[in-house]
C-alpha cells in the first residue's frame, strides 16, 4: 500500500508540474499570426512590423499567414477554430471583430471567440470633400444636404467609412446618400474626379490627397485633432460628444488560451507598443499607438461591437 501511495503521489506531482513547465517554456516553436487580408496592403504591413518586433523579444520566429476572403471573416474564423495554445493568433481589427459580428448572418465566430492580447494601433477616420463639390465645412455639408442630394463614397457597404457616415447622419440629423465602392481607392478616385461630393475613409488613407490639394479635409472622427491636420475639427467638437470612430488593429488569441501564455504575449506586446522604434513608425504613418493594455483593448472591442451593431440595425445595413 505505501508503494502504491508513493507512486500515486509521484504521478500527481508530475501531472501538476507538466503544464507549468510547458507554459513556462512558451514559446518553444514558431508562432503564426493570421492576417485575414491579402499580402501587400497596409494591414499586412503593420502586422509584419509587429511580428518582427515580437519575434526579437520572444526568441522564436513569428510568421505571417495571409488568409483573405469574405471581408476578413475567413481568416478570423480559422483562428477561432485553431488550438488555443498561443501558436496561432489573429491580427484582428474593427471590421473583423467589431463590425462583422453585427453585419453577417451565420458568422463562424463572434467577439467572444477571442481574448485580447494588445491593440497595436488606431487611427481616426476623415471626411473629405471633392473640390468640385464646393464644400469645406460640416456646416456647408449640412446646408447643401437640406437643398439637394449630397453623395458620400466609401470602401463598400458595411465598411467602417459607411458606418461612420450613418453615425454622422444619425447624430447630426443630416441625410446623405451613400455610394458604396469595391474598396477605398476607387472611392477616393471618384471623389477627386468629382463623381461623388464626399469620401469617408481612414485619415491615413486620405491625408496624402488632402496634402496635395486633391481633396479638402472636413472633419476627423477621433477624440482629438489628427496630428498631420491639426486645424481640421473633430466631429465631437462640431456635432457632439456622441460621435467617435476609429479604425484599429491588434492581436487576439483563441478563447481558452492558457493564462500563463496570455501573460507572456501581453507583456511582450506591451513592450513592443511602448518601444521608441514602433512609436516613431506609427507617427510616420499618421496613426496612434493602441490603448494601454489588454483589458482596455477588450473594452474597446466590446464597446465598438455594441455601437456598430446598433448602427447596422437602425440604418438597415445589409452585407453585399
Protein backbone atom coordinates (compact mmCIF):
# COMPACT_ATOMS: atom_id res chain seq x y z
CA UNK A 1 0.00 0.00 0.00
CA UNK A 2 2.74 2.54 0.86
CA UNK A 3 4.48 1.88 -2.50
CA UNK A 4 1.20 2.48 -4.36
CA UNK A 5 0.70 5.70 -2.43
CA UNK A 6 4.19 6.88 -3.32
CA UNK A 7 3.63 6.10 -6.98
CA UNK A 8 0.29 7.92 -6.95
CA UNK A 9 1.89 10.88 -5.21
CA UNK A 10 4.71 10.97 -7.76
CA UNK A 11 2.20 10.81 -10.62
CA UNK A 12 0.24 13.67 -9.11
CA UNK A 13 3.36 15.82 -8.87
CA UNK A 14 4.21 15.05 -12.48
CA UNK A 15 0.69 15.95 -13.64
CA UNK A 16 0.78 19.22 -11.75
CA UNK A 17 4.28 20.12 -12.87
CA UNK A 18 3.86 19.38 -16.58
CA UNK A 19 1.53 22.24 -17.58
CA UNK A 20 3.57 24.70 -15.54
CA UNK A 21 6.74 23.52 -17.26
CA UNK A 22 5.08 23.56 -20.68
CA UNK A 23 3.77 27.08 -20.26
CA UNK A 24 6.98 28.41 -18.72
CA UNK A 25 8.87 27.38 -21.86
CA UNK A 26 6.43 29.16 -24.18
CA UNK A 27 7.16 29.82 -26.96
CA UNK A 28 9.17 26.76 -27.92
CA UNK A 29 8.41 26.91 -31.66
CA UNK A 30 7.35 29.46 -34.30
CA UNK A 31 4.18 31.49 -33.79
CA UNK A 32 1.77 32.22 -36.64
CA UNK A 33 -0.17 35.47 -36.91
CA UNK A 34 -3.06 35.13 -39.33
CA UNK A 35 -3.77 38.32 -41.27
CA UNK A 36 -7.25 37.91 -42.78
CA UNK A 37 -6.46 40.18 -45.73
CA UNK A 38 -4.20 39.92 -48.80
CA UNK A 39 -0.46 40.47 -48.58
CA UNK A 40 0.92 43.84 -49.53
CA UNK A 41 -1.71 46.15 -48.05
CA UNK A 42 -1.38 48.45 -45.04
CA UNK A 43 -2.96 45.88 -42.69
CA UNK A 44 -0.43 43.27 -43.77
CA UNK A 45 2.44 45.76 -43.44
CA UNK A 46 1.54 46.69 -39.87
CA UNK A 47 1.23 43.04 -38.88
CA UNK A 48 4.66 42.24 -40.32
CA UNK A 49 6.22 45.17 -38.47
CA UNK A 50 4.84 43.92 -35.16
CA UNK A 51 5.67 40.29 -35.97
CA UNK A 52 9.33 41.20 -36.42
CA UNK A 53 9.43 43.12 -33.13
CA UNK A 54 7.63 40.32 -31.26
CA UNK A 55 10.00 37.69 -32.65
CA UNK A 56 13.03 39.63 -31.44
CA UNK A 57 11.66 39.66 -27.89
CA UNK A 58 10.14 36.17 -27.78
CA UNK A 59 13.16 34.40 -29.24
CA UNK A 60 11.11 32.48 -31.81
CA UNK A 61 10.08 33.24 -35.41
CA UNK A 62 6.70 34.95 -35.78
CA UNK A 63 5.39 34.28 -39.27
CA UNK A 64 2.51 35.90 -41.16
CA UNK A 65 -0.16 33.74 -42.78
CA UNK A 66 -2.42 35.73 -45.13
CA UNK A 67 -5.86 34.09 -45.24
CA UNK A 68 -8.02 36.55 -47.16
CA UNK A 69 -11.66 36.20 -48.02
CA UNK A 70 -15.17 37.45 -47.19
CA UNK A 71 -14.01 40.81 -45.80
CA UNK A 72 -11.61 39.20 -43.36
CA UNK A 73 -14.04 36.71 -41.86
CA UNK A 74 -12.45 33.60 -43.42
CA UNK A 75 -9.11 34.06 -41.67
CA UNK A 76 -10.79 35.17 -38.45
CA UNK A 77 -12.96 32.04 -38.37
CA UNK A 78 -9.86 29.92 -38.98
CA UNK A 79 -8.17 31.32 -35.86
CA UNK A 80 -11.35 30.96 -33.81
CA UNK A 81 -11.21 27.20 -34.53
CA UNK A 82 -7.45 26.88 -34.01
CA UNK A 83 -5.83 25.23 -31.00
CA UNK A 84 -5.82 27.59 -28.03
CA UNK A 85 -2.12 27.14 -27.33
CA UNK A 86 -0.69 30.56 -28.24
CA UNK A 87 0.83 29.44 -31.53
CA UNK A 88 -1.95 30.66 -33.84
CA UNK A 89 -3.03 34.28 -33.30
CA UNK A 90 -5.21 36.75 -35.22
CA UNK A 91 -4.39 40.24 -36.41
CA UNK A 92 -7.91 41.46 -35.74
CA UNK A 93 -9.40 44.85 -36.48
CA UNK A 94 -12.51 46.99 -36.34
CA UNK A 95 -14.06 45.36 -39.40
CA UNK A 96 -13.47 41.75 -38.33
CA UNK A 97 -14.03 41.96 -34.56
CA UNK A 98 -16.46 44.85 -34.08
CA UNK A 99 -18.40 45.15 -37.35
CA UNK A 100 -18.63 41.66 -38.88
CA UNK A 101 -20.47 40.02 -35.93
CA UNK A 102 -23.32 42.50 -36.36
CA UNK A 103 -23.25 42.57 -40.15
CA UNK A 104 -23.04 38.95 -41.29
CA UNK A 105 -25.55 36.22 -40.58
CA UNK A 106 -24.26 32.73 -39.83
CA UNK A 107 -20.78 34.02 -39.00
CA UNK A 108 -18.49 31.24 -37.76
CA UNK A 109 -17.22 33.32 -34.83
CA UNK A 110 -18.07 36.31 -32.65
CA UNK A 111 -16.12 38.72 -30.45
CA UNK A 112 -16.25 36.18 -27.59
CA UNK A 113 -14.35 33.67 -29.73
CA UNK A 114 -11.14 35.53 -28.89
CA UNK A 115 -9.28 37.02 -25.94
CA UNK A 116 -7.35 40.29 -26.34
CA UNK A 117 -3.56 40.47 -26.25
CA UNK A 118 -2.99 44.09 -27.19
CA UNK A 119 -4.11 46.86 -29.53
CA UNK A 120 -1.28 47.66 -31.92
CA UNK A 121 -2.53 50.91 -33.39
CA UNK A 122 -5.57 53.01 -34.06
CA UNK A 123 -6.38 55.92 -36.33
CA UNK A 124 -9.35 58.20 -36.83
CA UNK A 125 -11.38 58.43 -40.00
CA UNK A 126 -11.55 61.55 -42.12
CA UNK A 127 -14.47 63.02 -44.02
CA UNK A 128 -13.07 64.78 -47.08
CA UNK A 129 -14.71 66.72 -49.90
CA UNK A 130 -14.15 66.88 -53.63
CA UNK A 131 -13.07 70.40 -54.65
CA UNK A 132 -15.83 70.24 -57.27
CA UNK A 133 -18.45 69.96 -54.52
CA UNK A 134 -17.78 73.44 -53.18
CA UNK A 135 -17.86 72.02 -49.64
CA UNK A 136 -15.31 72.92 -46.99
CA UNK A 137 -17.03 72.60 -43.60
CA UNK A 138 -19.64 70.45 -41.88
CA UNK A 139 -21.94 73.48 -41.79
CA UNK A 140 -21.75 73.68 -45.57
CA UNK A 141 -22.41 69.94 -45.86
CA UNK A 142 -25.49 70.33 -43.68
CA UNK A 143 -26.77 73.32 -45.61
CA UNK A 144 -26.28 71.71 -49.02
CA UNK A 145 -27.88 68.45 -47.84
CA UNK A 146 -31.05 70.38 -46.95
CA UNK A 147 -31.32 71.67 -50.51
CA UNK A 148 -30.05 68.83 -52.69
CA UNK A 149 -28.56 65.37 -52.78
CA UNK A 150 -25.08 65.05 -51.19
CA UNK A 151 -23.20 61.84 -52.02
CA UNK A 152 -20.58 60.07 -49.88
CA UNK A 153 -18.27 57.44 -51.31
CA UNK A 154 -16.86 54.68 -49.07
CA UNK A 155 -14.97 51.42 -49.42
CA UNK A 156 -18.23 49.49 -49.51
CA UNK A 157 -21.44 48.55 -47.75
CA UNK A 158 -20.69 47.76 -44.12
CA UNK A 159 -17.22 49.32 -44.26
CA UNK A 160 -16.13 51.49 -41.36
CA UNK A 161 -16.49 54.52 -43.63
CA UNK A 162 -20.08 53.56 -44.39
CA UNK A 163 -20.95 53.07 -40.73
CA UNK A 164 -19.23 56.34 -39.84
CA UNK A 165 -21.43 58.03 -42.47
CA UNK A 166 -24.56 56.50 -40.95
CA UNK A 167 -23.45 57.57 -37.46
CA UNK A 168 -22.90 61.13 -38.67
CA UNK A 169 -26.31 61.21 -40.36
CA UNK A 170 -27.92 59.99 -37.15
CA UNK A 171 -26.10 62.25 -34.69
CA UNK A 172 -26.18 65.39 -36.86
CA UNK A 173 -29.62 64.62 -38.35
CA UNK A 174 -28.31 65.13 -41.87
CA UNK A 175 -29.41 62.95 -44.78
CA UNK A 176 -26.56 61.86 -47.05
CA UNK A 177 -26.60 59.42 -49.96
CA UNK A 178 -24.16 56.57 -49.51
CA UNK A 179 -22.30 55.37 -52.61
CA UNK A 180 -20.51 52.06 -51.95
CA UNK A 181 -17.38 51.12 -53.90
CA UNK A 182 -15.34 47.94 -54.02
CA UNK A 183 -12.52 49.31 -51.93
CA UNK A 184 -11.27 52.66 -50.76
CA UNK A 185 -9.12 53.50 -53.79
CA UNK A 186 -11.95 53.78 -56.35
CA UNK A 187 -13.99 55.85 -53.88
CA UNK A 188 -11.08 58.25 -53.46
CA UNK A 189 -10.52 58.40 -57.23
CA UNK A 190 -14.15 59.32 -57.87
CA UNK A 191 -14.12 61.94 -55.11
CA UNK A 192 -11.06 63.55 -56.66
CA UNK A 193 -12.78 63.46 -60.05
CA UNK A 194 -15.99 64.99 -58.68
CA UNK A 195 -18.21 61.94 -59.23
CA UNK A 196 -19.11 62.00 -55.52
CA UNK A 197 -19.23 65.01 -53.20
CA UNK A 198 -17.55 63.43 -50.18
CA UNK A 199 -15.43 60.43 -49.27
CA UNK A 200 -15.18 58.79 -45.83
CA UNK A 201 -12.13 56.64 -45.12
CA UNK A 202 -9.23 56.42 -42.69
CA UNK A 203 -7.33 59.65 -42.16
CA UNK A 204 -4.08 57.89 -43.05
CA UNK A 205 -5.50 56.86 -46.45
CA UNK A 206 -6.93 60.29 -47.28
CA UNK A 207 -4.22 62.55 -45.88
CA UNK A 208 -1.86 62.39 -48.92
CA UNK A 209 -4.68 63.62 -51.17
CA UNK A 210 -5.58 66.41 -48.76
CA UNK A 211 -1.92 67.43 -48.55
CA UNK A 212 -1.67 67.58 -52.34
CA UNK A 213 -4.85 69.66 -52.61
CA UNK A 214 -6.84 66.98 -54.44
CA UNK A 215 -9.31 66.71 -51.55
CA UNK A 216 -10.47 69.05 -48.77
CA UNK A 217 -10.47 67.86 -45.16
CA UNK A 218 -13.85 68.41 -43.49
CA UNK A 219 -13.65 66.66 -40.09
CA UNK A 220 -11.89 63.85 -38.26
CA UNK A 221 -13.59 61.26 -36.08
CA UNK A 222 -11.13 60.91 -33.19
CA UNK A 223 -11.39 62.43 -29.73
CA UNK A 224 -8.54 64.81 -30.52
CA UNK A 225 -7.29 66.58 -33.67
CA UNK A 226 -5.42 64.49 -36.20
CA UNK A 227 -1.73 65.41 -35.84
CA UNK A 228 -0.94 65.88 -39.57
CA UNK A 229 -4.05 68.09 -39.93
CA UNK A 230 -4.21 69.97 -36.62
CA UNK A 231 -6.63 72.62 -37.92
CA UNK A 232 -9.24 70.13 -39.08
CA UNK A 233 -12.07 70.00 -36.50
CA UNK A 234 -13.21 66.82 -34.79
CA UNK A 235 -16.73 65.54 -35.25
CA UNK A 236 -17.14 65.69 -31.46
CA UNK A 237 -16.43 69.41 -31.39
CA UNK A 238 -18.94 70.01 -34.18
CA UNK A 239 -21.82 67.55 -33.79
CA UNK A 240 -21.43 66.50 -30.14
CA UNK A 241 -19.83 64.00 -27.79
CA UNK A 242 -21.87 61.13 -29.21
CA UNK A 243 -19.55 60.91 -32.21
CA UNK A 244 -16.35 58.90 -32.15
CA UNK A 245 -14.98 56.41 -34.69
CA UNK A 246 -11.61 54.71 -35.02
CA UNK A 247 -10.10 52.08 -37.23
CA UNK A 248 -7.87 49.84 -35.12
CA UNK A 249 -5.86 46.64 -35.28
CA UNK A 250 -4.42 44.40 -32.66
CA UNK A 251 -3.51 40.90 -31.61
CA UNK A 252 -6.03 38.42 -30.21
CA UNK A 253 -5.84 34.73 -29.34
CA UNK A 254 -8.43 31.94 -29.47
CA UNK A 255 -10.65 31.69 -26.42
CA UNK A 256 -9.33 29.34 -23.69
CA UNK A 257 -5.67 30.12 -24.37
CA UNK A 258 -3.81 29.37 -21.09
CA UNK A 259 -3.40 32.34 -18.78
CA UNK A 260 0.37 31.88 -18.50
CA UNK A 261 0.69 32.05 -22.29
CA UNK A 262 -1.51 35.15 -22.42
CA UNK A 263 0.62 36.85 -19.77
CA UNK A 264 3.75 36.23 -21.83
CA UNK A 265 2.15 37.52 -25.02
CA UNK A 266 0.57 40.54 -23.35
CA UNK A 267 3.78 41.55 -21.60
CA UNK A 268 5.75 41.26 -24.84
CA UNK A 269 3.11 43.09 -26.89
CA UNK A 270 3.12 45.93 -24.35
CA UNK A 271 6.91 46.19 -24.63
CA UNK A 272 6.65 46.39 -28.41
CA UNK A 273 3.93 49.06 -28.32
CA UNK A 274 5.98 51.15 -25.88
CA UNK A 275 9.21 50.85 -27.87
CA UNK A 276 10.65 54.01 -29.40
CA UNK A 277 11.05 52.45 -32.86
CA UNK A 278 7.40 51.37 -33.08
CA UNK A 279 6.11 54.71 -31.83
CA UNK A 280 8.26 56.57 -34.34
CA UNK A 281 6.99 54.34 -37.15
CA UNK A 282 3.35 54.84 -36.14
CA UNK A 283 3.89 58.58 -36.05
CA UNK A 284 5.28 58.49 -39.60
CA UNK A 285 2.18 56.59 -40.73
CA UNK A 286 -0.18 59.09 -39.11
CA UNK A 287 -1.67 56.63 -36.63
CA UNK A 288 -1.62 56.37 -32.83
CA UNK A 289 -0.33 53.64 -30.51
CA UNK A 290 -3.07 51.39 -29.20
CA UNK A 291 -4.79 51.65 -25.83
CA UNK A 292 -2.80 50.86 -22.71
CA UNK A 293 -3.35 47.15 -22.07
CA UNK A 294 -5.32 44.02 -22.89
CA UNK A 295 -8.22 44.93 -20.57
CA UNK A 296 -8.61 48.31 -22.27
CA UNK A 297 -8.42 46.61 -25.68
CA UNK A 298 -11.16 44.19 -24.64
CA UNK A 299 -13.37 47.09 -23.62
CA UNK A 300 -12.81 48.81 -26.99
CA UNK A 301 -13.80 45.63 -28.85
CA UNK A 302 -16.96 45.24 -26.77
CA UNK A 303 -17.92 48.92 -26.96
CA UNK A 304 -17.37 49.19 -30.71
CA UNK A 305 -19.17 45.90 -31.38
CA UNK A 306 -22.20 47.20 -29.49
CA UNK A 307 -22.10 50.63 -31.15
CA UNK A 308 -21.71 49.42 -34.73
CA UNK A 309 -24.25 46.61 -34.41
CA UNK A 310 -26.84 49.18 -33.30
CA UNK A 311 -25.99 51.44 -36.24
CA UNK A 312 -26.24 48.45 -38.60
CA UNK A 313 -29.68 47.63 -37.26
CA UNK A 314 -31.04 51.19 -37.19
CA UNK A 315 -29.71 52.04 -40.65
CA UNK A 316 -30.79 48.63 -42.00
CA UNK A 317 -27.30 47.91 -43.37
CA UNK A 318 -27.05 44.53 -45.09
CA UNK A 319 -23.90 42.83 -46.35
CA UNK A 320 -23.38 42.77 -50.11
